[in-house]
Amino acid sequence: MTRYSRFTRRFILFSLTSLLLFNACSPARKIMKAPLKEEGSDFLFRKLKEKELKFDWFSAKFSAEYANKGKKNSFSGQIRIRKDSLIWISLTPMLGIEAIRLMISQDSVKLINRLNDTYFIGDYEYVNRFLNTNIDYDLLQSILLGNDLEYYEGSKFRASIDRGEYKLSTSERLKLRKFVRNNQENMKVFIQNIWLDPENFKITHIDVKEIRRDNIKLESNYSNFEQVGEQLFPRKMKYVIWAENTIKVNADFSKMVVNVPMQFPFKIPASYLPVK
């Protein structure tokens, strides 16, 4: 065997050994994380706002599981949003035929139920009685996208570190006066906690409840962040409404598209009957 051949074999052996040792050590290196640096609430809130989804139009497909009173239902659907204007949702059971179509604006809720040939046109009061909540358009738009409440005060948060993530907490969050549309909104005061991923500053968990309704709390969890254009969006979301009847929804999003204008078709068939 020539000297050149022996050198080549030793080089290959050394390279393979180094590669194996590197791979063996890599997991341990990933697990060992430096302690989080404490940051102030102003810094964290600013990073939250920088990293949340920026959009004028949004659309996606999803599959979801809904649980209430021990019963579960699975369905798929589509969602389309025009920022601060309209939320359009189509729900389809596993059979593949649309069952429910929703159109939600700042002051109205419209629903077509193709399962029993009915429709509903009303306001949030009916929905909140049904869900035992106090949801409005701003809150709904935020939790559907994993964003913070956009038109509420952001100066009264306290910062901390909790379970390896940053946490922002406030016990008195009010809607900014210039965005208050009615007396009911003016009365709402939220207790809110927000957890942020320390690497990308995306929201991973939110819980919010209204001071005068302590028996009701809304929780949202966000994970599996995926690049959508130059932004991150959570593919998996979990929602829980803690109330007299606890409602849980697990959703898995796909085919997310940002800032492509779209239509919001909503036509009630003449034969459908209204729900009172």
C-alpha atoms as a PDB file:
ATOM      1  CA  MET A   1       0.000   0.000   0.000  1.00  0.00           C
ATOM      2  CA  THR A   2       1.458   3.350  -0.949  1.00  0.00           C
ATOM      3  CA  ARG A   3       2.074   6.154   1.499  1.00  0.00           C
ATOM      4  CA  TYR A   4      -0.551   8.230  -0.344  1.00  0.00           C
ATOM      5  CA  SER A   5      -3.170   5.511   0.135  1.00  0.00           C
ATOM      6  CA  ARG A   6      -2.431   5.190   3.861  1.00  0.00           C
ATOM      7  CA  PHE A   7      -2.764   8.952   4.276  1.00  0.00           C
ATOM      8  CA  THR A   8      -6.076   8.973   2.407  1.00  0.00           C
ATOM      9  CA  ARG A   9      -7.509   6.175   4.550  1.00  0.00           C
ATOM     10  CA  ARG A  10      -6.430   7.919   7.761  1.00  0.00           C
ATOM     11  CA  PHE A  11      -7.984  11.194   6.591  1.00  0.00           C
ATOM     12  CA  ILE A  12     -11.307   9.490   5.782  1.00  0.00           C
ATOM     13  CA  LEU A  13     -11.303   7.663   9.115  1.00  0.00           C
ATOM     14  CA  PHE A  14     -10.524  10.884  10.976  1.00  0.00           C
ATOM     15  CA  SER A  15     -13.297  12.731   9.114  1.00  0.00           C
ATOM     16  CA  LEU A  16     -15.919  10.046   9.832  1.00  0.00           C
ATOM     17  CA  THR A  17     -14.926   9.859  13.496  1.00  0.00           C
ATOM     18  CA  SER A  18     -15.102  13.646  13.853  1.00  0.00           C
ATOM     19  CA  LEU A  19     -18.528  13.711  12.188  1.00  0.00           C
ATOM     20  CA  LEU A  20     -19.889  11.018  14.495  1.00  0.00           C
ATOM     21  CA  LEU A  21     -18.531  12.773  17.578  1.00  0.00           C
ATOM     22  CA  PHE A  22     -19.993  16.089  16.407  1.00  0.00           C
ATOM     23  CA  ASN A  23     -23.440  14.550  15.857  1.00  0.00           C
ATOM     24  CA  ALA A  24     -23.280  12.757  19.190  1.00  0.00           C
ATOM     25  CA  CYS A  25     -22.528  15.995  20.975  1.00  0.00           C
ATOM     26  CA  SER A  26     -25.014  18.159  19.095  1.00  0.00           C
ATOM     27  CA  PRO A  27     -28.197  17.175  20.987  1.00  0.00           C
ATOM     28  CA  ALA A  28     -26.610  18.008  24.330  1.00  0.00           C
ATOM     29  CA  ARG A  29     -25.462  21.322  22.940  1.00  0.00           C
ATOM     30  CA  LYS A  30     -29.018  22.132  21.808  1.00  0.00           C
ATOM     31  CA  ILE A  31     -30.584  21.168  25.134  1.00  0.00           C
ATOM     32  CA  MET A  32     -28.250  23.395  27.161  1.00  0.00           C
ATOM     33  CA  LYS A  33     -29.758  26.860  26.920  1.00  0.00           C
ATOM     34  CA  ALA A  34     -28.471  29.960  28.593  1.00  0.00           C
ATOM     35  CA  PRO A  35     -30.792  31.486  31.210  1.00  0.00           C
ATOM     36  CA  LEU A  36     -33.133  34.091  29.773  1.00  0.00           C
ATOM     37  CA  LYS A  37     -32.025  37.668  30.123  1.00  0.00           C
ATOM     38  CA  GLU A  38     -34.546  39.722  32.030  1.00  0.00           C
ATOM     39  CA  GLU A  39     -36.181  42.372  29.870  1.00  0.00           C
ATOM     40  CA  GLY A  40     -38.488  45.260  30.670  1.00  0.00           C
ATOM     41  CA  SER A  41     -42.149  45.336  29.687  1.00  0.00           C
ATOM     42  CA  ASP A  42     -41.637  48.194  27.202  1.00  0.00           C
ATOM     43  CA  PHE A  43     -38.982  46.212  25.306  1.00  0.00           C
ATOM     44  CA  LEU A  44     -41.060  43.012  25.250  1.00  0.00           C
ATOM     45  CA  PHE A  45     -44.231  44.777  24.178  1.00  0.00           C
ATOM     46  CA  ARG A  46     -42.351  46.516  21.384  1.00  0.00           C
ATOM     47  CA  LYS A  47     -40.901  43.198  20.172  1.00  0.00           C
ATOM     48  CA  LEU A  48     -44.363  41.604  20.329  1.00  0.00           C
ATOM     49  CA  LYS A  49     -45.748  44.334  18.073  1.00  0.00           C
ATOM     50  CA  GLU A  50     -42.812  44.045  15.663  1.00  0.00           C
ATOM     51  CA  LYS A  51     -43.242  40.291  15.245  1.00  0.00           C
ATOM     52  CA  GLU A  52     -47.018  39.874  15.107  1.00  0.00           C
ATOM     53  CA  LEU A  53     -48.684  39.199  11.759  1.00  0.00           C
ATOM     54  CA  LYS A  54     -48.962  42.302   9.579  1.00  0.00           C
ATOM     55  CA  PHE A  55     -51.738  42.006   7.014  1.00  0.00           C
ATOM     56  CA  ASP A  56     -54.566  43.681   5.142  1.00  0.00           C
ATOM     57  CA  TRP A  57     -55.934  40.404   3.756  1.00  0.00           C
ATOM     58  CA  PHE A  58     -55.538  36.879   5.145  1.00  0.00           C
ATOM     59  CA  SER A  59     -56.810  33.465   4.054  1.00  0.00           C
ATOM     60  CA  ALA A  60     -56.152  29.884   5.105  1.00  0.00           C
ATOM     61  CA  LYS A  61     -57.580  26.395   5.227  1.00  0.00           C
ATOM     62  CA  PHE A  62     -57.931  24.502   8.476  1.00  0.00           C
ATOM     63  CA  SER A  63     -59.063  21.299  10.125  1.00  0.00           C
ATOM     64  CA  ALA A  64     -60.472  21.447  13.624  1.00  0.00           C
ATOM     65  CA  GLU A  65     -61.991  19.505  16.489  1.00  0.00           C
ATOM     66  CA  TYR A  66     -64.700  21.052  18.667  1.00  0.00           C
ATOM     67  CA  ALA A  67     -65.524  19.686  22.142  1.00  0.00           C
ATOM     68  CA  ASN A  68     -68.402  20.750  24.396  1.00  0.00           C
ATOM     69  CA  LYS A  69     -70.293  18.858  27.137  1.00  0.00           C
ATOM     70  CA  GLY A  70     -68.369  15.669  26.421  1.00  0.00           C
ATOM     71  CA  LYS A  71     -69.246  15.665  22.722  1.00  0.00           C
ATOM     72  CA  LYS A  72     -66.693  16.110  19.935  1.00  0.00           C
ATOM     73  CA  ASN A  73     -67.130  17.131  16.325  1.00  0.00           C
ATOM     74  CA  SER A  74     -64.481  17.262  13.609  1.00  0.00           C
ATOM     75  CA  PHE A  75     -64.652  19.503  10.585  1.00  0.00           C
ATOM     76  CA  SER A  76     -62.550  21.361   8.054  1.00  0.00           C
ATOM     77  CA  GLY A  77     -62.963  24.826   6.670  1.00  0.00           C
ATOM     78  CA  GLN A  78     -61.691  28.028   5.166  1.00  0.00           C
ATOM     79  CA  ILE A  79     -61.182  31.423   6.728  1.00  0.00           C
ATOM     80  CA  ARG A  80     -60.796  34.811   5.030  1.00  0.00           C
ATOM     81  CA  ILE A  81     -60.169  38.103   6.795  1.00  0.00           C
ATOM     82  CA  ARG A  82     -60.043  41.690   5.666  1.00  0.00           C
ATOM     83  CA  LYS A  83     -58.376  43.524   8.503  1.00  0.00           C
ATOM     84  CA  ASP A  84     -60.728  45.371  10.858  1.00  0.00           C
ATOM     85  CA  SER A  85     -63.609  44.823   8.447  1.00  0.00           C
ATOM     86  CA  LEU A  86     -64.771  41.260   7.759  1.00  0.00           C
ATOM     87  CA  ILE A  87     -64.191  37.705   8.913  1.00  0.00           C
ATOM     88  CA  TRP A  88     -65.594  35.025   6.583  1.00  0.00           C
ATOM     89  CA  ILE A  89     -65.624  31.355   7.665  1.00  0.00           C
ATOM     90  CA  SER A  90     -66.875  28.256   5.851  1.00  0.00           C
ATOM     91  CA  LEU A  91     -67.267  25.023   7.850  1.00  0.00           C
ATOM     92  CA  THR A  92     -67.436  21.609   6.236  1.00  0.00           C
ATOM     93  CA  PRO A  93     -68.020  18.283   8.047  1.00  0.00           C
ATOM     94  CA  MET A  94     -66.089  15.211   7.000  1.00  0.00           C
ATOM     95  CA  LEU A  95     -68.631  14.524   4.237  1.00  0.00           C
ATOM     96  CA  GLY A  96     -67.145  17.375   2.228  1.00  0.00           C
ATOM     97  CA  ILE A  97     -70.288  19.521   1.773  1.00  0.00           C
ATOM     98  CA  GLU A  98     -70.411  22.975   3.353  1.00  0.00           C
ATOM     99  CA  ALA A  99     -72.629  23.056   6.444  1.00  0.00           C
ATOM    100  CA  ILE A 100     -72.136  26.541   7.926  1.00  0.00           C
ATOM    101  CA  ARG A 101     -71.062  29.872   6.454  1.00  0.00           C
ATOM    102  CA  LEU A 102     -70.321  32.848   8.707  1.00  0.00           C
ATOM    103  CA  MET A 103     -69.846  36.527   7.928  1.00  0.00           C
ATOM    104  CA  ILE A 104     -68.693  38.658  10.855  1.00  0.00           C
ATOM    105  CA  SER A 105     -68.247  42.423  10.761  1.00  0.00           C
ATOM    106  CA  GLN A 106     -67.583  45.057  13.417  1.00  0.00           C
ATOM    107  CA  ASP A 107     -71.249  45.197  14.419  1.00  0.00           C
ATOM    108  CA  SER A 108     -73.044  42.174  12.954  1.00  0.00           C
ATOM    109  CA  VAL A 109     -72.969  38.392  12.771  1.00  0.00           C
ATOM    110  CA  LYS A 110     -74.540  36.543   9.840  1.00  0.00           C
ATOM    111  CA  LEU A 111     -74.844  32.781   9.511  1.00  0.00           C
ATOM    112  CA  ILE A 112     -76.172  30.373   6.887  1.00  0.00           C
ATOM    113  CA  ASN A 113     -76.969  26.864   8.154  1.00  0.00           C
ATOM    114  CA  ARG A 114     -77.252  24.518   5.176  1.00  0.00           C
ATOM    115  CA  LEU A 115     -77.996  21.525   7.422  1.00  0.00           C
ATOM    116  CA  ASN A 116     -81.485  22.770   8.288  1.00  0.00           C
ATOM    117  CA  ASP A 117     -82.063  25.496   5.664  1.00  0.00           C
ATOM    118  CA  THR A 118     -81.977  28.414   8.109  1.00  0.00           C
ATOM    119  CA  TYR A 119     -80.081  31.666   8.532  1.00  0.00           C
ATOM    120  CA  PHE A 120     -79.348  34.192  11.262  1.00  0.00           C
ATOM    121  CA  ILE A 121     -78.659  37.919  11.079  1.00  0.00           C
ATOM    122  CA  GLY A 122     -77.964  39.723  14.324  1.00  0.00           C
ATOM    123  CA  ASP A 123     -75.325  41.220  16.582  1.00  0.00           C
ATOM    124  CA  TYR A 124     -72.760  39.925  19.075  1.00  0.00           C
ATOM    125  CA  GLU A 125     -75.286  39.758  21.900  1.00  0.00           C
ATOM    126  CA  TYR A 126     -76.778  36.535  20.496  1.00  0.00           C
ATOM    127  CA  VAL A 127     -73.350  34.920  19.999  1.00  0.00           C
ATOM    128  CA  ASN A 128     -72.160  35.905  23.463  1.00  0.00           C
ATOM    129  CA  ARG A 129     -75.303  34.510  25.073  1.00  0.00           C
ATOM    130  CA  PHE A 130     -74.749  31.242  23.219  1.00  0.00           C
ATOM    131  CA  LEU A 131     -71.033  31.004  24.111  1.00  0.00           C
ATOM    132  CA  ASN A 132     -71.397  32.714  27.511  1.00  0.00           C
ATOM    133  CA  THR A 133     -68.629  35.162  26.573  1.00  0.00           C
ATOM    134  CA  ASN A 134     -68.161  38.830  25.800  1.00  0.00           C
ATOM    135  CA  ILE A 135     -66.344  38.609  22.455  1.00  0.00           C
ATOM    136  CA  ASP A 136     -66.235  41.524  20.026  1.00  0.00           C
ATOM    137  CA  TYR A 137     -64.700  41.839  16.553  1.00  0.00           C
ATOM    138  CA  ASP A 138     -61.310  43.099  17.763  1.00  0.00           C
ATOM    139  CA  LEU A 139     -60.873  40.248  20.239  1.00  0.00           C
ATOM    140  CA  LEU A 140     -62.019  37.633  17.727  1.00  0.00           C
ATOM    141  CA  GLN A 141     -59.689  38.859  14.975  1.00  0.00           C
ATOM    142  CA  SER A 142     -56.733  38.863  17.367  1.00  0.00           C
ATOM    143  CA  ILE A 143     -57.186  35.368  18.770  1.00  0.00           C
ATOM    144  CA  LEU A 144     -57.805  33.859  15.326  1.00  0.00           C
ATOM    145  CA  LEU A 145     -54.415  35.118  14.127  1.00  0.00           C
ATOM    146  CA  GLY A 146     -52.321  34.880  17.283  1.00  0.00           C
ATOM    147  CA  ASN A 147     -51.953  38.669  17.499  1.00  0.00           C
ATOM    148  CA  ASP A 148     -52.291  41.005  20.426  1.00  0.00           C
ATOM    149  CA  LEU A 149     -55.363  43.195  20.937  1.00  0.00           C
ATOM    150  CA  GLU A 150     -54.622  46.084  18.627  1.00  0.00           C
ATOM    151  CA  TYR A 151     -56.809  48.869  19.961  1.00  0.00           C
ATOM    152  CA  TYR A 152     -56.180  48.466  23.676  1.00  0.00           C
ATOM    153  CA  GLU A 153     -53.749  50.142  26.052  1.00  0.00           C
ATOM    154  CA  GLY A 154     -50.256  48.676  26.108  1.00  0.00           C
ATOM    155  CA  SER A 155     -48.575  50.683  28.836  1.00  0.00           C
ATOM    156  CA  LYS A 156     -49.616  48.833  31.993  1.00  0.00           C
ATOM    157  CA  PHE A 157     -47.872  45.478  31.563  1.00  0.00           C
ATOM    158  CA  ARG A 158     -45.492  43.850  34.020  1.00  0.00           C
ATOM    159  CA  ALA A 159     -42.677  41.680  32.660  1.00  0.00           C
ATOM    160  CA  SER A 160     -41.428  38.391  34.080  1.00  0.00           C
ATOM    161  CA  ILE A 161     -39.973  35.027  33.061  1.00  0.00           C
ATOM    162  CA  ASP A 162     -42.222  31.987  33.332  1.00  0.00           C
ATOM    163  CA  ARG A 163     -41.485  28.398  32.271  1.00  0.00           C
ATOM    164  CA  GLY A 164     -38.678  29.427  29.938  1.00  0.00           C
ATOM    165  CA  GLU A 165     -40.684  32.161  28.197  1.00  0.00           C
ATOM    166  CA  TYR A 166     -41.258  35.863  28.629  1.00  0.00           C
ATOM    167  CA  LYS A 167     -44.537  36.841  30.235  1.00  0.00           C
ATOM    168  CA  LEU A 168     -46.442  40.111  30.093  1.00  0.00           C
ATOM    169  CA  SER A 169     -49.247  40.618  32.626  1.00  0.00           C
ATOM    170  CA  THR A 170     -51.799  43.321  33.234  1.00  0.00           C
ATOM    171  CA  SER A 171     -54.793  43.535  35.548  1.00  0.00           C
ATOM    172  CA  GLU A 172     -56.372  46.586  33.938  1.00  0.00           C
ATOM    173  CA  ARG A 173     -56.383  46.775  30.143  1.00  0.00           C
ATOM    174  CA  LEU A 174     -58.830  49.213  28.592  1.00  0.00           C
ATOM    175  CA  LYS A 175     -59.758  49.981  25.005  1.00  0.00           C
ATOM    176  CA  LEU A 176     -58.208  53.182  23.703  1.00  0.00           C
ATOM    177  CA  ARG A 177     -60.829  55.915  23.864  1.00  0.00           C
ATOM    178  CA  LYS A 178     -60.610  56.856  20.190  1.00  0.00           C
ATOM    179  CA  PHE A 179     -61.597  53.293  19.243  1.00  0.00           C
ATOM    180  CA  VAL A 180     -64.523  52.883  21.676  1.00  0.00           C
ATOM    181  CA  ARG A 181     -67.685  52.392  19.631  1.00  0.00           C
ATOM    182  CA  ASN A 182     -70.319  52.005  22.367  1.00  0.00           C
ATOM    183  CA  ASN A 183     -70.871  52.057  26.124  1.00  0.00           C
ATOM    184  CA  GLN A 184     -70.428  48.310  26.488  1.00  0.00           C
ATOM    185  CA  GLU A 185     -66.891  48.485  25.083  1.00  0.00           C
ATOM    186  CA  ASN A 186     -66.136  51.411  27.369  1.00  0.00           C
ATOM    187  CA  MET A 187     -67.056  49.286  30.395  1.00  0.00           C
ATOM    188  CA  LYS A 188     -64.843  46.325  29.558  1.00  0.00           C
ATOM    189  CA  VAL A 189     -61.625  45.966  31.575  1.00  0.00           C
ATOM    190  CA  PHE A 190     -59.442  42.947  30.847  1.00  0.00           C
ATOM    191  CA  ILE A 191     -57.085  40.961  33.027  1.00  0.00           C
ATOM    192  CA  GLN A 192     -54.580  39.553  30.553  1.00  0.00           C
ATOM    193  CA  ASN A 193     -51.435  37.415  30.442  1.00  0.00           C
ATOM    194  CA  ILE A 194     -49.305  36.965  27.331  1.00  0.00           C
ATOM    195  CA  TRP A 195     -46.417  34.503  26.921  1.00  0.00           C
ATOM    196  CA  LEU A 196     -43.737  35.126  24.266  1.00  0.00           C
ATOM    197  CA  ASP A 197     -41.279  32.758  22.637  1.00  0.00           C
ATOM    198  CA  PRO A 198     -37.838  34.123  23.677  1.00  0.00           C
ATOM    199  CA  GLU A 199     -36.338  33.366  20.258  1.00  0.00           C
ATOM    200  CA  ASN A 200     -38.874  34.907  17.879  1.00  0.00           C
ATOM    201  CA  PHE A 201     -41.082  36.935  20.276  1.00  0.00           C
ATOM    202  CA  LYS A 202     -44.238  35.402  18.819  1.00  0.00           C
ATOM    203  CA  ILE A 203     -47.184  34.905  21.160  1.00  0.00           C
ATOM    204  CA  THR A 204     -47.382  31.279  22.330  1.00  0.00           C
ATOM    205  CA  HIS A 205     -50.159  31.599  24.906  1.00  0.00           C
ATOM    206  CA  ILE A 206     -52.765  34.160  25.947  1.00  0.00           C
ATOM    207  CA  ASP A 207     -55.347  34.125  28.691  1.00  0.00           C
ATOM    208  CA  VAL A 208     -57.824  36.940  29.103  1.00  0.00           C
ATOM    209  CA  LYS A 209     -60.855  37.545  31.254  1.00  0.00           C
ATOM    210  CA  GLU A 210     -63.047  40.494  32.046  1.00  0.00           C
ATOM    211  CA  ILE A 211     -62.871  41.911  35.551  1.00  0.00           C
ATOM    212  CA  ARG A 212     -66.640  41.873  36.099  1.00  0.00           C
ATOM    213  CA  ARG A 213     -66.967  38.313  34.736  1.00  0.00           C
ATOM    214  CA  ASP A 214     -64.412  36.315  36.750  1.00  0.00           C
ATOM    215  CA  ASN A 215     -66.156  33.015  36.044  1.00  0.00           C
ATOM    216  CA  ILE A 216     -65.303  33.224  32.320  1.00  0.00           C
ATOM    217  CA  LYS A 217     -61.806  33.020  30.851  1.00  0.00           C
ATOM    218  CA  LEU A 218     -60.555  32.651  27.293  1.00  0.00           C
ATOM    219  CA  GLU A 219     -57.269  30.849  26.595  1.00  0.00           C
ATOM    220  CA  SER A 220     -55.406  30.573  23.295  1.00  0.00           C
ATOM    221  CA  ASN A 221     -52.273  28.542  22.526  1.00  0.00           C
ATOM    222  CA  TYR A 222     -50.130  28.902  19.391  1.00  0.00           C
ATOM    223  CA  SER A 223     -47.360  26.605  18.117  1.00  0.00           C
ATOM    224  CA  ASN A 224     -45.665  25.128  15.026  1.00  0.00           C
ATOM    225  CA  PHE A 225     -44.783  28.488  13.527  1.00  0.00           C
ATOM    226  CA  GLU A 226     -44.368  28.508   9.762  1.00  0.00           C
ATOM    227  CA  GLN A 227     -42.950  31.089   7.394  1.00  0.00           C
ATOM    228  CA  VAL A 228     -45.645  32.947   5.431  1.00  0.00           C
ATOM    229  CA  GLY A 229     -43.829  35.319   3.146  1.00  0.00           C
ATOM    230  CA  GLU A 230     -41.398  37.032   5.492  1.00  0.00           C
ATOM    231  CA  GLN A 231     -43.550  36.509   8.577  1.00  0.00           C
ATOM    232  CA  LEU A 232     -44.225  33.686  11.028  1.00  0.00           C
ATOM    233  CA  PHE A 233     -47.690  32.249  11.548  1.00  0.00           C
ATOM    234  CA  PRO A 234     -48.760  29.492  13.998  1.00  0.00           C
ATOM    235  CA  ARG A 235     -50.030  26.403  12.205  1.00  0.00           C
ATOM    236  CA  LYS A 236     -51.521  24.909  15.368  1.00  0.00           C
ATOM    237  CA  MET A 237     -53.942  26.742  17.644  1.00  0.00           C
ATOM    238  CA  LYS A 238     -55.862  25.635  20.702  1.00  0.00           C
ATOM    239  CA  TYR A 239     -58.723  27.645  22.172  1.00  0.00           C
ATOM    240  CA  VAL A 240     -60.495  27.098  25.478  1.00  0.00           C
ATOM    241  CA  ILE A 241     -63.463  29.050  26.819  1.00  0.00           C
ATOM    242  CA  TRP A 242     -63.642  28.356  30.547  1.00  0.00           C
ATOM    243  CA  ALA A 243     -67.244  28.963  31.569  1.00  0.00           C
ATOM    244  CA  GLU A 244     -70.223  27.017  32.908  1.00  0.00           C
ATOM    245  CA  ASN A 245     -69.821  24.782  29.870  1.00  0.00           C
ATOM    246  CA  THR A 246     -66.171  24.529  28.855  1.00  0.00           C
ATOM    247  CA  ILE A 247     -65.637  24.745  25.092  1.00  0.00           C
ATOM    248  CA  LYS A 248     -62.422  23.543  23.436  1.00  0.00           C
ATOM    249  CA  VAL A 249     -61.307  23.934  19.831  1.00  0.00           C
ATOM    250  CA  ASN A 250     -58.090  22.524  18.345  1.00  0.00           C
ATOM    251  CA  ALA A 251     -57.244  23.840  14.889  1.00  0.00           C
ATOM    252  CA  ASP A 252     -54.520  23.016  12.373  1.00  0.00           C
ATOM    253  CA  PHE A 253     -53.980  25.657   9.665  1.00  0.00           C
ATOM    254  CA  SER A 254     -52.548  25.212   6.172  1.00  0.00           C
ATOM    255  CA  LYS A 255     -52.147  27.126   2.893  1.00  0.00           C
ATOM    256  CA  MET A 256     -51.917  30.500   4.612  1.00  0.00           C
ATOM    257  CA  VAL A 257     -51.865  33.481   2.249  1.00  0.00           C
ATOM    258  CA  VAL A 258     -51.290  37.117   3.228  1.00  0.00           C
ATOM    259  CA  ASN A 259     -52.224  40.318   1.370  1.00  0.00           C
ATOM    260  CA  VAL A 260     -53.962  38.804  -1.640  1.00  0.00           C
ATOM    261  CA  PRO A 261     -57.394  40.469  -2.138  1.00  0.00           C
ATOM    262  CA  MET A 262     -60.315  38.025  -2.153  1.00  0.00           C
ATOM    263  CA  GLN A 263     -64.087  37.754  -2.308  1.00  0.00           C
ATOM    264  CA  PHE A 264     -66.478  37.127   0.610  1.00  0.00           C
ATOM    265  CA  PRO A 265     -69.475  35.385  -0.995  1.00  0.00           C
ATOM    266  CA  PHE A 266     -72.552  35.315   1.221  1.00  0.00           C
ATOM    267  CA  LYS A 267     -75.962  34.828  -0.364  1.00  0.00           C
ATOM    268  CA  ILE A 268     -78.926  33.529   1.617  1.00  0.00           C
ATOM    269  CA  PRO A 269     -81.180  31.224  -0.450  1.00  0.00           C
ATOM    270  CA  ALA A 270     -84.740  32.537  -0.744  1.00  0.00           C
ATOM    271  CA  SER A 271     -86.194  29.302   0.697  1.00  0.00           C
ATOM    272  CA  TYR A 272     -84.215  29.522   3.984  1.00  0.00           C
ATOM    273  CA  LEU A 273     -86.026  30.510   7.174  1.00  0.00           C
ATOM    274  CA  PRO A 274     -84.674  33.025   9.748  1.00  0.00           C
ATOM    275  CA  VAL A 275     -83.639  31.928  13.242  1.00  0.00           C
ATOM    276  CA  LYS A 276     -85.166  34.159  15.906  1.00  0.00           C
END
